Amino acid sequence: MPRTDPEGHGPVRFGPPLPEDGLPVLPELSAVLAAAAGRAQSEPVGGGTALLEAACGYWDRRGLPTEPDRVVAAPGAPALLLALTAALGGDVLVPRPCAAWWAPYARLLGRPVFHVPAPVESGGVPDPYALLETVRRVRAEGGDPRLLVLSVADDPTATVAAPELLHETVEAAVGEGLHLVSDETWRDTLHDPHGTVLLSPAEMFPDKVTVVSDLAGALLPTGWPAAVARFPVGEADGGGPHARVADGDGLHARVLDVLTALGARVAAPVAATAGYALEEPEPVIARQRAAVRLHARVAAAAHTAVTAAGAVARPPQAGRHLYVDLGPLGPALGAQGVRDAQELEDFLAARLGMPAPGGHRFGDDLGALRVRLSTGPLLGGGTRDERAECLDSPAPLELPQVQRALLLLGSVFDDLRDDAQRWEPPR
């Protein structure tokens, strides 16, 4: 079983950050941060009482009853995943593709990482049969798989896994004794919240799943790092001949040990702001919903532009991004010297004037011509007022700055389509 070490060329060990929303900071969040800026004392490792209780309320409202002694806060989800990986030990399984920040922290600890293919319909959750086969092969070669990281609302593919697939995969993982980490950073960014069913693995197996949420997904600016983790509610009860599922108490304690060793504290002003955001007051909810609506419209327009040019992309369902396969435009790209994902990243970034991280940063094959495009840069940048205008406009796609960005995107892909047609052999 080959391990997914960085391949070829390009800085693929540490991938791009979470996509930014391209919007001004909510004034109420700025006010809370400013009011807490004079605090001299540091936040405790794992989070103070107010922050942990706010996190409990957040999960309670989502059908996941939570007590403060089962919650930990950290300065960003990567710190939590690093601590969880260190605490659980063993090899790590992730879907292919997956969030760019998952694998590097296992590699940092010297842990093997194995990618399991996701089904065609959605990303974030591996195919259950491929998962079982991967676990079997890893063990046959002397490996020790213990941890599966997945996400129902996915970065990079912007899709939401169907409950049926999720249940089959989680059941297979639990049967093999794997502990699950459910990255739910994007769960509050569903483009069609009334038409999309999102279930957390913790609802299915509450004693086998740790939930991690980076608040930069929907509640805080990406530059204010804060994340929370919810640990299993019960003790381990087996789960098959290979079961090593950690009990919630022990795992919580070991994660706190790692965070303490790292000095991984949430900055006190950010902790106050995170607690306020997790309580979901009306200004935060109103901004969140407006931002989701805006990015959903822009993502749909971007999806139309790239697919009209012959590229392939699943319709985005969550988040601020979409995942595009330019394989059908391969001949035109090859004529311009673009033969892998790193070269495609450089090519598109130069022409679009925005980041276009290649699929190799998300665990995809270097040779596959895939990229993640974010919607934040498509809001046109500009001044604070122009960005705020995008939120307030009933027709944001008609704003000049958004139109320019989408027209540029469309023209770059249309040029590739036209070039590809010229390269088609005569029939």
Foldseek 3Di string as FASTA:
>chain_A
DDFLDQDDDDDQLADDDAFFLLADFQVVLVVLLVVQVPDPDWADFFGDDLLLVLLQVLVVVVVQHADSLQKGKFQAPLLLLLLLCVLFDFAEEEEVQAPLSNPNSCVVVVHTYDYAYCDPQDDFFHQQVSVLVVVVVCVVVPGQAAEYEGEQCGPPALHGDDPVRVVSNLLSCLLQQHAYEYEHQWVLLFLCVVVDDHDDVCVVPQFRYKYKYWCCQQFGGPVQGMIMIGFRDAQDDANYPSHPRHGSNSSSVSSSVSCVVVVGGRGRSSSSSSSVRSNPDPSSVLVRVLSSNLLLVLQQLLQVLQVVLPWDWRRRGTTFKHKIFCVLLQVLVVVVVDQWQVSLQVVCCVQLVHGWHGSVSRSHDRRTNMTMDGNSVLLQNDDNVSSVCSSVDPCNCPDPSNVVSSVSSNVVSNVSSVSSVVVDDDD
